């Protein structure tokens, strides 16, 4: 069990060291340029920039992301009577002011 963990750590260190050296070579620069171009092509084709930024934000700030989800649920809760629509906060406020719940 420990052998696999040690092997994984050593592979990561060696791989990182190799990439640090390789990215400065002509072949590494050429390869990275083509990888970046391909990734840009995929991002444009599938419009994944927003999803990528959202996933990065949720990974970096999980507590804030959870709070945002909670606030969105308060502002726009799911209303089963609306036949798939989301209830507007303004409508909820008017109902509360008129005494309806």
PDB file of N, CA and C in Angstrom:
ATOM      1  N   UNK A   1       0.826  -1.191   0.000  1.00  0.00           N
ATOM      2  CA  UNK A   1       0.000   0.000   0.000  1.00  0.00           C
ATOM      3  C   UNK A   1       0.870   1.255   0.000  1.00  0.00           C
ATOM      4  N   UNK A   2       1.852   1.276   0.898  1.00  0.00           N
ATOM      5  CA  UNK A   2       2.731   2.444   0.962  1.00  0.00           C
ATOM      6  C   UNK A   2       3.596   2.551  -0.288  1.00  0.00           C
ATOM      7  N   UNK A   3       3.885   1.407  -0.905  1.00  0.00           N
ATOM      8  CA  UNK A   3       4.699   1.411  -2.116  1.00  0.00           C
ATOM      9  C   UNK A   3       3.999   2.187  -3.235  1.00  0.00           C
ATOM     10  N   UNK A   4       2.682   2.000  -3.360  1.00  0.00           N
ATOM     11  CA  UNK A   4       1.937   2.698  -4.403  1.00  0.00           C
ATOM     12  C   UNK A   4       1.903   4.201  -4.151  1.00  0.00           C
ATOM     13  N   UNK A   5       1.764   4.581  -2.892  1.00  0.00           N
ATOM     14  CA  UNK A   5       1.749   6.007  -2.558  1.00  0.00           C
ATOM     15  C   UNK A   5       3.115   6.625  -2.839  1.00  0.00           C
ATOM     16  N   UNK A   6       4.189   5.935  -2.430  1.00  0.00           N
ATOM     17  CA  UNK A   6       5.539   6.446  -2.670  1.00  0.00           C
ATOM     18  C   UNK A   6       5.829   6.507  -4.169  1.00  0.00           C
ATOM     19  N   UNK A   7       5.403   5.488  -4.907  1.00  0.00           N
ATOM     20  CA  UNK A   7       5.607   5.464  -6.348  1.00  0.00           C
ATOM     21  C   UNK A   7       4.861   6.605  -7.022  1.00  0.00           C
ATOM     22  N   UNK A   8       3.658   6.871  -6.567  1.00  0.00           N
ATOM     23  CA  UNK A   8       2.859   7.956  -7.123  1.00  0.00           C
ATOM     24  C   UNK A   8       3.507   9.313  -6.854  1.00  0.00           C
ATOM     25  N   UNK A   9       3.980   9.513  -5.655  1.00  0.00           N
ATOM     26  CA  UNK A   9       4.640  10.776  -5.297  1.00  0.00           C
ATOM     27  C   UNK A   9       5.913  10.962  -6.105  1.00  0.00           C
ATOM     28  N   UNK A  10       6.718   9.922  -6.205  1.00  0.00           N
ATOM     29  CA  UNK A  10       7.974  10.020  -6.959  1.00  0.00           C
ATOM     30  C   UNK A  10       7.694  10.271  -8.449  1.00  0.00           C
ATOM     31  N   UNK A  11       6.674   9.633  -8.988  1.00  0.00           N
ATOM     32  CA  UNK A  11       6.325   9.849 -10.396  1.00  0.00           C
ATOM     33  C   UNK A  11       5.886  11.288 -10.628  1.00  0.00           C
ATOM     34  N   UNK A  12       5.140  11.835  -9.696  1.00  0.00           N
ATOM     35  CA  UNK A  12       4.693  13.218  -9.828  1.00  0.00           C
ATOM     36  C   UNK A  12       5.872  14.186  -9.765  1.00  0.00           C
ATOM     37  N   UNK A  13       6.805  13.940  -8.864  1.00  0.00           N
ATOM     38  CA  UNK A  13       7.977  14.819  -8.734  1.00  0.00           C
ATOM     39  C   UNK A  13       8.844  14.743  -9.983  1.00  0.00           C
ATOM     40  N   UNK A  14       9.094  13.533 -10.450  1.00  0.00           N
ATOM     41  CA  UNK A  14       9.923  13.366 -11.643  1.00  0.00           C
ATOM     42  C   UNK A  14       9.227  13.955 -12.863  1.00  0.00           C
ATOM     43  N   UNK A  15       7.912  13.720 -12.983  1.00  0.00           N
ATOM     44  CA  UNK A  15       7.159  14.271 -14.106  1.00  0.00           C
ATOM     45  C   UNK A  15       7.153  15.788 -14.096  1.00  0.00           C
ATOM     46  N   UNK A  16       6.991  16.377 -12.932  1.00  0.00           N
ATOM     47  CA  UNK A  16       7.007  17.831 -12.819  1.00  0.00           C
ATOM     48  C   UNK A  16       8.379  18.397 -13.162  1.00  0.00           C
ATOM     49  N   UNK A  17       9.420  17.751 -12.665  1.00  0.00           N
ATOM     50  CA  UNK A  17      10.782  18.205 -12.967  1.00  0.00           C
ATOM     51  C   UNK A  17      11.073  18.099 -14.464  1.00  0.00           C
ATOM     52  N   UNK A  18      10.665  16.992 -15.070  1.00  0.00           N
ATOM     53  CA  UNK A  18      10.872  16.818 -16.503  1.00  0.00           C
ATOM     54  C   UNK A  18      10.136  17.893 -17.287  1.00  0.00           C
ATOM     55  N   UNK A  19       8.899  18.177 -16.912  1.00  0.00           N
ATOM     56  CA  UNK A  19       8.123  19.173 -17.644  1.00  0.00           C
ATOM     57  C   UNK A  19       8.736  20.560 -17.488  1.00  0.00           C
ATOM     58  N   UNK A  20       9.250  20.880 -16.303  1.00  0.00           N
ATOM     59  CA  UNK A  20       9.894  22.175 -16.103  1.00  0.00           C
ATOM     60  C   UNK A  20      11.087  22.334 -17.052  1.00  0.00           C
ATOM     61  N   UNK A  21      11.832  21.268 -17.238  1.00  0.00           N
ATOM     62  CA  UNK A  21      12.965  21.321 -18.169  1.00  0.00           C
ATOM     63  C   UNK A  21      12.470  21.346 -19.617  1.00  0.00           C
ATOM     64  N   UNK A  22      11.501  20.469 -19.921  1.00  0.00           N
ATOM     65  CA  UNK A  22      11.067  20.265 -21.295  1.00  0.00           C
ATOM     66  C   UNK A  22      10.325  21.456 -21.873  1.00  0.00           C
ATOM     67  N   UNK A  23       9.609  22.213 -21.034  1.00  0.00           N
ATOM     68  CA  UNK A  23       8.823  23.319 -21.569  1.00  0.00           C
ATOM     69  C   UNK A  23       9.695  24.445 -22.116  1.00  0.00           C
ATOM     70  N   UNK A  24      10.962  24.480 -21.764  1.00  0.00           N
ATOM     71  CA  UNK A  24      11.865  25.498 -22.286  1.00  0.00           C
ATOM     72  C   UNK A  24      12.577  25.101 -23.568  1.00  0.00           C
ATOM     73  N   UNK A  25      12.446  23.841 -23.989  1.00  0.00           N
ATOM     74  CA  UNK A  25      13.092  23.402 -25.222  1.00  0.00           C
ATOM     75  C   UNK A  25      12.243  23.791 -26.431  1.00  0.00           C
ATOM     76  N   UNK A  26      12.822  23.758 -27.611  1.00  0.00           N
ATOM     77  CA  UNK A  26      12.081  24.104 -28.830  1.00  0.00           C
ATOM     78  C   UNK A  26      10.907  23.153 -29.044  1.00  0.00           C
ATOM     79  N   UNK A  27      11.163  21.871 -28.827  1.00  0.00           N
ATOM     80  CA  UNK A  27      10.090  20.882 -28.996  1.00  0.00           C
ATOM     81  C   UNK A  27       8.991  21.102 -27.968  1.00  0.00           C
ATOM     82  N   UNK A  28       9.346  21.421 -26.747  1.00  0.00           N
ATOM     83  CA  UNK A  28       8.361  21.673 -25.703  1.00  0.00           C
ATOM     84  C   UNK A  28       7.513  22.898 -25.992  1.00  0.00           C
ATOM     85  N   UNK A  29       8.144  23.950 -26.478  1.00  0.00           N
ATOM     86  CA  UNK A  29       7.413  25.170 -26.833  1.00  0.00           C
ATOM     87  C   UNK A  29       6.452  24.885 -27.989  1.00  0.00           C
ATOM     88  N   UNK A  30       6.917  24.160 -28.991  1.00  0.00           N
ATOM     89  CA  UNK A  30       6.074  23.800 -30.129  1.00  0.00           C
ATOM     90  C   UNK A  30       4.880  22.967 -29.667  1.00  0.00           C
ATOM     91  N   UNK A  31       5.162  21.955 -28.840  1.00  0.00           N
ATOM     92  CA  UNK A  31       4.099  21.070 -28.358  1.00  0.00           C
ATOM     93  C   UNK A  31       3.080  21.841 -27.534  1.00  0.00           C
ATOM     94  N   UNK A  32       3.549  22.701 -26.631  1.00  0.00           N
ATOM     95  CA  UNK A  32       2.647  23.462 -25.772  1.00  0.00           C
ATOM     96  C   UNK A  32       1.785  24.419 -26.594  1.00  0.00           C
ATOM     97  N   UNK A  33       2.380  25.009 -27.638  1.00  0.00           N
ATOM     98  CA  UNK A  33       1.625  25.905 -28.515  1.00  0.00           C
ATOM     99  C   UNK A  33       0.484  25.152 -29.191  1.00  0.00           C
ATOM    100  N   UNK A  34       0.747  23.934 -29.644  1.00  0.00           N
ATOM    101  CA  UNK A  34      -0.289  23.148 -30.304  1.00  0.00           C
ATOM    102  C   UNK A  34      -1.343  22.647 -29.306  1.00  0.00           C
ATOM    103  N   UNK A  35      -0.936  22.288 -28.124  1.00  0.00           N
ATOM    104  CA  UNK A  35      -1.895  21.876 -27.094  1.00  0.00           C
ATOM    105  C   UNK A  35      -2.802  23.054 -26.734  1.00  0.00           C
ATOM    106  N   UNK A  36      -2.230  24.248 -26.554  1.00  0.00           N
ATOM    107  CA  UNK A  36      -3.024  25.429 -26.243  1.00  0.00           C
ATOM    108  C   UNK A  36      -4.008  25.752 -27.366  1.00  0.00           C
ATOM    109  N   UNK A  37      -3.564  25.636 -28.610  1.00  0.00           N
ATOM    110  CA  UNK A  37      -4.448  25.898 -29.746  1.00  0.00           C
ATOM    111  C   UNK A  37      -5.603  24.901 -29.780  1.00  0.00           C
ATOM    112  N   UNK A  38      -5.305  23.637 -29.514  1.00  0.00           N
ATOM    113  CA  UNK A  38      -6.349  22.614 -29.502  1.00  0.00           C
ATOM    114  C   UNK A  38      -7.337  22.847 -28.367  1.00  0.00           C
ATOM    115  N   UNK A  39      -6.837  23.199 -27.195  1.00  0.00           N
ATOM    116  CA  UNK A  39      -7.721  23.477 -26.062  1.00  0.00           C
ATOM    117  C   UNK A  39      -8.591  24.701 -26.338  1.00  0.00           C
ATOM    118  N   UNK A  40      -8.033  25.710 -26.991  1.00  0.00           N
ATOM    119  CA  UNK A  40      -8.812  26.885 -27.362  1.00  0.00           C
ATOM    120  C   UNK A  40      -9.906  26.510 -28.359  1.00  0.00           C
ATOM    121  N   UNK A  41      -9.575  25.655 -29.307  1.00  0.00           N
ATOM    122  CA  UNK A  41     -10.558  25.171 -30.279  1.00  0.00           C
ATOM    123  C   UNK A  41     -11.711  24.456 -29.569  1.00  0.00           C
ATOM    124  N   UNK A  42     -11.387  23.587 -28.607  1.00  0.00           N
ATOM    125  CA  UNK A  42     -12.430  22.877 -27.871  1.00  0.00           C
ATOM    126  C   UNK A  42     -13.279  23.837 -27.046  1.00  0.00           C
ATOM    127  N   UNK A  43     -12.625  24.837 -26.425  1.00  0.00           N
ATOM    128  CA  UNK A  43     -13.369  25.799 -25.611  1.00  0.00           C
ATOM    129  C   UNK A  43     -14.346  26.597 -26.460  1.00  0.00           C
ATOM    130  N   UNK A  44     -13.944  26.979 -27.654  1.00  0.00           N
ATOM    131  CA  UNK A  44     -14.833  27.727 -28.541  1.00  0.00           C
ATOM    132  C   UNK A  44     -15.938  26.817 -29.070  1.00  0.00           C
ATOM    133  N   UNK A  45     -15.580  25.617 -29.478  1.00  0.00           N
ATOM    134  CA  UNK A  45     -16.556  24.704 -30.068  1.00  0.00           C
ATOM    135  C   UNK A  45     -17.641  24.315 -29.078  1.00  0.00           C
ATOM    136  N   UNK A  46     -17.257  23.999 -27.850  1.00  0.00           N
ATOM    137  CA  UNK A  46     -18.224  23.527 -26.864  1.00  0.00           C
ATOM    138  C   UNK A  46     -18.625  24.592 -25.859  1.00  0.00           C
ATOM    139  N   UNK A  47     -18.116  25.820 -26.001  1.00  0.00           N
ATOM    140  CA  UNK A  47     -18.459  26.941 -25.129  1.00  0.00           C
ATOM    141  C   UNK A  47     -18.308  26.551 -23.657  1.00  0.00           C
ATOM    142  N   UNK A  48     -17.109  26.110 -23.282  1.00  0.00           N
ATOM    143  CA  UNK A  48     -16.886  25.611 -21.928  1.00  0.00           C
ATOM    144  C   UNK A  48     -16.170  26.598 -21.022  1.00  0.00           C
ATOM    145  N   UNK A  49     -15.958  27.822 -21.468  1.00  0.00           N
ATOM    146  CA  UNK A  49     -15.227  28.788 -20.663  1.00  0.00           C
ATOM    147  C   UNK A  49     -15.958  29.102 -19.358  1.00  0.00           C
ATOM    148  N   UNK A  50     -17.262  29.304 -19.442  1.00  0.00           N
ATOM    149  CA  UNK A  50     -18.029  29.641 -18.250  1.00  0.00           C
ATOM    150  C   UNK A  50     -18.023  28.480 -17.275  1.00  0.00           C
ATOM    151  N   UNK A  51     -18.213  27.281 -17.768  1.00  0.00           N
ATOM    152  CA  UNK A  51     -18.219  26.114 -16.888  1.00  0.00           C
ATOM    153  C   UNK A  51     -16.859  25.924 -16.244  1.00  0.00           C
ATOM    154  N   UNK A  52     -15.795  26.191 -16.991  1.00  0.00           N
ATOM    155  CA  UNK A  52     -14.451  26.038 -16.456  1.00  0.00           C
ATOM    156  C   UNK A  52     -14.202  27.058 -15.339  1.00  0.00           C
ATOM    157  N   UNK A  53     -14.637  28.307 -15.556  1.00  0.00           N
ATOM    158  CA  UNK A  53     -14.450  29.336 -14.539  1.00  0.00           C
ATOM    159  C   UNK A  53     -15.287  29.032 -13.305  1.00  0.00           C
ATOM    160  N   UNK A  54     -16.515  28.548 -13.507  1.00  0.00           N
ATOM    161  CA  UNK A  54     -17.372  28.221 -12.380  1.00  0.00           C
ATOM    162  C   UNK A  54     -16.788  27.070 -11.564  1.00  0.00           C
ATOM    163  N   UNK A  55     -16.293  26.060 -12.239  1.00  0.00           N
ATOM    164  CA  UNK A  55     -15.701  24.923 -11.536  1.00  0.00           C
ATOM    165  C   UNK A  55     -14.458  25.355 -10.764  1.00  0.00           C
ATOM    166  N   UNK A  56     -13.656  26.218 -11.343  1.00  0.00           N
ATOM    167  CA  UNK A  56     -12.458  26.716 -10.669  1.00  0.00           C
ATOM    168  C   UNK A  56     -12.838  27.521  -9.432  1.00  0.00           C
ATOM    169  N   UNK A  57     -13.867  28.381  -9.565  1.00  0.00           N
ATOM    170  CA  UNK A  57     -14.319  29.174  -8.431  1.00  0.00           C
ATOM    171  C   UNK A  57     -14.832  28.275  -7.318  1.00  0.00           C
ATOM    172  N   UNK A  58     -15.641  27.276  -7.677  1.00  0.00           N
ATOM    173  CA  UNK A  58     -16.193  26.372  -6.655  1.00  0.00           C
ATOM    174  C   UNK A  58     -15.098  25.562  -5.975  1.00  0.00           C
ATOM    175  N   UNK A  59     -14.043  25.250  -6.700  1.00  0.00           N
ATOM    176  CA  UNK A  59     -12.945  24.501  -6.101  1.00  0.00           C
ATOM    177  C   UNK A  59     -12.136  25.385  -5.149  1.00  0.00           C
ATOM    178  N   UNK A  60     -11.909  26.648  -5.537  1.00  0.00           N
ATOM    179  CA  UNK A  60     -11.114  27.549  -4.705  1.00  0.00           C
ATOM    180  C   UNK A  60     -11.883  28.058  -3.494  1.00  0.00           C
ATOM    181  N   UNK A  61     -13.182  28.304  -3.666  1.00  0.00           N
ATOM    182  CA  UNK A  61     -13.984  28.911  -2.604  1.00  0.00           C
ATOM    183  C   UNK A  61     -15.264  28.105  -2.372  1.00  0.00           C
ATOM    184  N   UNK A  62     -15.148  26.902  -1.796  1.00  0.00           N
ATOM    185  CA  UNK A  62     -16.342  26.063  -1.650  1.00  0.00           C
ATOM    186  C   UNK A  62     -17.388  26.646  -0.688  1.00  0.00           C
ATOM    187  N   UNK A  63     -16.964  27.305   0.381  1.00  0.00           N
ATOM    188  CA  UNK A  63     -17.935  27.856   1.321  1.00  0.00           C
ATOM    189  C   UNK A  63     -18.712  29.016   0.711  1.00  0.00           C
ATOM    190  N   UNK A  64     -18.027  29.871  -0.032  1.00  0.00           N
ATOM    191  CA  UNK A  64     -18.701  30.985  -0.691  1.00  0.00           C
ATOM    192  C   UNK A  64     -19.647  30.457  -1.762  1.00  0.00           C
ATOM    193  N   UNK A  65     -19.236  29.427  -2.489  1.00  0.00           N
ATOM    194  CA  UNK A  65     -20.106  28.842  -3.506  1.00  0.00           C
ATOM    195  C   UNK A  65     -21.371  28.276  -2.877  1.00  0.00           C
ATOM    196  N   UNK A  66     -21.234  27.612  -1.724  1.00  0.00           N
ATOM    197  CA  UNK A  66     -22.414  27.085  -1.030  1.00  0.00           C
ATOM    198  C   UNK A  66     -23.324  28.214  -0.566  1.00  0.00           C
ATOM    199  N   UNK A  67     -22.732  29.296  -0.081  1.00  0.00           N
ATOM    200  CA  UNK A  67     -23.546  30.441   0.349  1.00  0.00           C
ATOM    201  C   UNK A  67     -24.278  31.067  -0.828  1.00  0.00           C
ATOM    202  N   UNK A  68     -23.616  31.147  -1.979  1.00  0.00           N
ATOM    203  CA  UNK A  68     -24.277  31.696  -3.159  1.00  0.00           C
ATOM    204  C   UNK A  68     -25.459  30.839  -3.595  1.00  0.00           C
ATOM    205  N   UNK A  69     -25.292  29.535  -3.535  1.00  0.00           N
ATOM    206  CA  UNK A  69     -26.388  28.635  -3.886  1.00  0.00           C
ATOM    207  C   UNK A  69     -27.553  28.832  -2.919  1.00  0.00           C
ATOM    208  N   UNK A  70     -27.244  28.962  -1.616  1.00  0.00           N
ATOM    209  CA  UNK A  70     -28.302  29.185  -0.625  1.00  0.00           C
ATOM    210  C   UNK A  70     -29.020  30.512  -0.881  1.00  0.00           C
ATOM    211  N   UNK A  71     -28.271  31.561  -1.201  1.00  0.00           N
ATOM    212  CA  UNK A  71     -28.889  32.852  -1.492  1.00  0.00           C
ATOM    213  C   UNK A  71     -29.748  32.799  -2.750  1.00  0.00           C
ATOM    214  N   UNK A  72     -29.296  32.073  -3.751  1.00  0.00           N
ATOM    215  CA  UNK A  72     -30.093  31.924  -4.967  1.00  0.00           C
ATOM    216  C   UNK A  72     -31.391  31.185  -4.686  1.00  0.00           C
ATOM    217  N   UNK A  73     -31.338  30.197  -3.806  1.00  0.00           N
ATOM    218  CA  UNK A  73     -32.558  29.473  -3.450  1.00  0.00           C
ATOM    219  C   UNK A  73     -33.523  30.359  -2.672  1.00  0.00           C
ATOM    220  N   UNK A  74     -33.001  31.280  -1.863  1.00  0.00           N
ATOM    221  CA  UNK A  74     -33.879  32.213  -1.149  1.00  0.00           C
ATOM    222  C   UNK A  74     -34.497  33.201  -2.132  1.00  0.00           C
ATOM    223  N   UNK A  75     -33.688  33.724  -3.042  1.00  0.00           N
ATOM    224  CA  UNK A  75     -34.167  34.724  -3.980  1.00  0.00           C
ATOM    225  C   UNK A  75     -35.087  34.132  -5.041  1.00  0.00           C
ATOM    226  N   UNK A  76     -34.785  32.939  -5.517  1.00  0.00           N
ATOM    227  CA  UNK A  76     -35.557  32.309  -6.591  1.00  0.00           C
ATOM    228  C   UNK A  76     -35.829  30.852  -6.262  1.00  0.00           C
ATOM    229  N   UNK A  77     -36.715  30.610  -5.295  1.00  0.00           N
ATOM    230  CA  UNK A  77     -36.974  29.212  -4.932  1.00  0.00           C
ATOM    231  C   UNK A  77     -37.768  28.496  -6.018  1.00  0.00           C
ATOM    232  N   UNK A  78     -37.673  27.216  -6.010  1.00  0.00           N
ATOM    233  CA  UNK A  78     -38.396  26.406  -6.967  1.00  0.00           C
ATOM    234  C   UNK A  78     -39.840  26.323  -6.514  1.00  0.00           C
ATOM    235  N   UNK A  79     -40.759  26.702  -7.372  1.00  0.00           N
ATOM    236  CA  UNK A  79     -42.180  26.689  -7.049  1.00  0.00           C
ATOM    237  C   UNK A  79     -42.844  25.581  -7.854  1.00  0.00           C
ATOM    238  N   UNK A  80     -43.284  24.491  -7.200  1.00  0.00           N
ATOM    239  CA  UNK A  80     -43.888  23.390  -7.956  1.00  0.00           C
ATOM    240  C   UNK A  80     -45.198  23.781  -8.631  1.00  0.00           C
ATOM    241  N   UNK A  81     -45.883  24.824  -8.143  1.00  0.00           N
ATOM    242  CA  UNK A  81     -47.139  25.256  -8.755  1.00  0.00           C
ATOM    243  C   UNK A  81     -46.920  26.069 -10.022  1.00  0.00           C
ATOM    244  N   UNK A  82     -45.686  26.492 -10.273  1.00  0.00           N
ATOM    245  CA  UNK A  82     -45.408  27.350 -11.426  1.00  0.00           C
ATOM    246  C   UNK A  82     -45.142  26.556 -12.699  1.00  0.00           C
ATOM    247  N   UNK A  83     -45.345  25.258 -12.674  1.00  0.00           N
ATOM    248  CA  UNK A  83     -45.181  24.389 -13.838  1.00  0.00           C
ATOM    249  C   UNK A  83     -43.795  24.531 -14.470  1.00  0.00           C
ATOM    250  N   UNK A  84     -42.755  24.401 -13.640  1.00  0.00           N
ATOM    251  CA  UNK A  84     -41.391  24.450 -14.147  1.00  0.00           C
ATOM    252  C   UNK A  84     -40.789  25.829 -14.167  1.00  0.00           C
ATOM    253  N   UNK A  85     -41.532  26.845 -13.792  1.00  0.00           N
ATOM    254  CA  UNK A  85     -40.995  28.199 -13.768  1.00  0.00           C
ATOM    255  C   UNK A  85     -40.402  28.491 -12.397  1.00  0.00           C
ATOM    256  N   UNK A  86     -39.597  29.498 -12.325  1.00  0.00           N
ATOM    257  CA  UNK A  86     -38.994  29.915 -11.067  1.00  0.00           C
ATOM    258  C   UNK A  86     -39.750  31.140 -10.575  1.00  0.00           C
ATOM    259  N   UNK A  87     -40.134  31.123  -9.288  1.00  0.00           N
ATOM    260  CA  UNK A  87     -40.890  32.224  -8.724  1.00  0.00           C
ATOM    261  C   UNK A  87     -40.006  33.449  -8.592  1.00  0.00           C
ATOM    262  N   UNK A  88     -40.533  34.594  -8.946  1.00  0.00           N
ATOM    263  CA  UNK A  88     -39.790  35.837  -8.842  1.00  0.00           C
ATOM    264  C   UNK A  88     -39.900  36.359  -7.412  1.00  0.00           C
ATOM    265  N   UNK A  89     -38.832  36.919  -6.898  1.00  0.00           N
ATOM    266  CA  UNK A  89     -38.803  37.420  -5.537  1.00  0.00           C
ATOM    267  C   UNK A  89     -39.814  38.541  -5.342  1.00  0.00           C
ATOM    268  N   UNK A  90     -39.989  39.369  -6.357  1.00  0.00           N
ATOM    269  CA  UNK A  90     -40.934  40.482  -6.251  1.00  0.00           C
ATOM    270  C   UNK A  90     -42.356  39.970  -6.023  1.00  0.00           C
ATOM    271  N   UNK A  91     -42.729  38.906  -6.721  1.00  0.00           N
ATOM    272  CA  UNK A  91     -44.056  38.323  -6.535  1.00  0.00           C
ATOM    273  C   UNK A  91     -44.223  37.783  -5.123  1.00  0.00           C
ATOM    274  N   UNK A  92     -43.194  37.183  -4.584  1.00  0.00           N
ATOM    275  CA  UNK A  92     -43.255  36.660  -3.217  1.00  0.00           C
ATOM    276  C   UNK A  92     -43.421  37.785  -2.211  1.00  0.00           C
ATOM    277  N   UNK A  93     -42.719  38.907  -2.432  1.00  0.00           N
ATOM    278  CA  UNK A  93     -42.822  40.044  -1.517  1.00  0.00           C
ATOM    279  C   UNK A  93     -44.235  40.620  -1.552  1.00  0.00           C
ATOM    280  N   UNK A  94     -44.810  40.738  -2.751  1.00  0.00           N
ATOM    281  CA  UNK A  94     -46.173  41.263  -2.871  1.00  0.00           C
ATOM    282  C   UNK A  94     -47.155  40.341  -2.151  1.00  0.00           C
ATOM    283  N   UNK A  95     -47.000  39.054  -2.297  1.00  0.00           N
ATOM    284  CA  UNK A  95     -47.885  38.098  -1.608  1.00  0.00           C
ATOM    285  C   UNK A  95     -47.761  38.250  -0.097  1.00  0.00           C
ATOM    286  N   UNK A  96     -46.532  38.385   0.406  1.00  0.00           N
ATOM    287  CA  UNK A  96     -46.333  38.549   1.842  1.00  0.00           C
ATOM    288  C   UNK A  96     -46.924  39.860   2.338  1.00  0.00           C
ATOM    289  N   UNK A  97     -46.785  40.924   1.573  1.00  0.00           N
ATOM    290  CA  UNK A  97     -47.332  42.220   1.974  1.00  0.00           C
ATOM    291  C   UNK A  97     -48.860  42.196   1.986  1.00  0.00           C
ATOM    292  N   UNK A  98     -49.460  41.414   1.094  1.00  0.00           N
ATOM    293  CA  UNK A  98     -50.925  41.319   1.041  1.00  0.00           C
ATOM    294  C   UNK A  98     -51.470  40.328   2.054  1.00  0.00           C
ATOM    295  N   UNK A  99     -50.616  39.629   2.756  1.00  0.00           N
ATOM    296  CA  UNK A  99     -51.060  38.688   3.781  1.00  0.00           C
ATOM    297  C   UNK A  99     -51.256  37.264   3.283  1.00  0.00           C
ATOM    298  N   UNK A 100     -50.875  36.999   2.047  1.00  0.00           N
ATOM    299  CA  UNK A 100     -50.953  35.629   1.524  1.00  0.00           C
ATOM    300  C   UNK A 100     -49.592  34.969   1.684  1.00  0.00           C
ATOM    301  N   UNK A 101     -49.583  33.659   1.946  1.00  0.00           N
ATOM    302  CA  UNK A 101     -48.282  32.988   2.036  1.00  0.00           C
ATOM    303  C   UNK A 101     -48.050  32.041   0.935  1.00  0.00           C
TER     304      UNK A 101
END
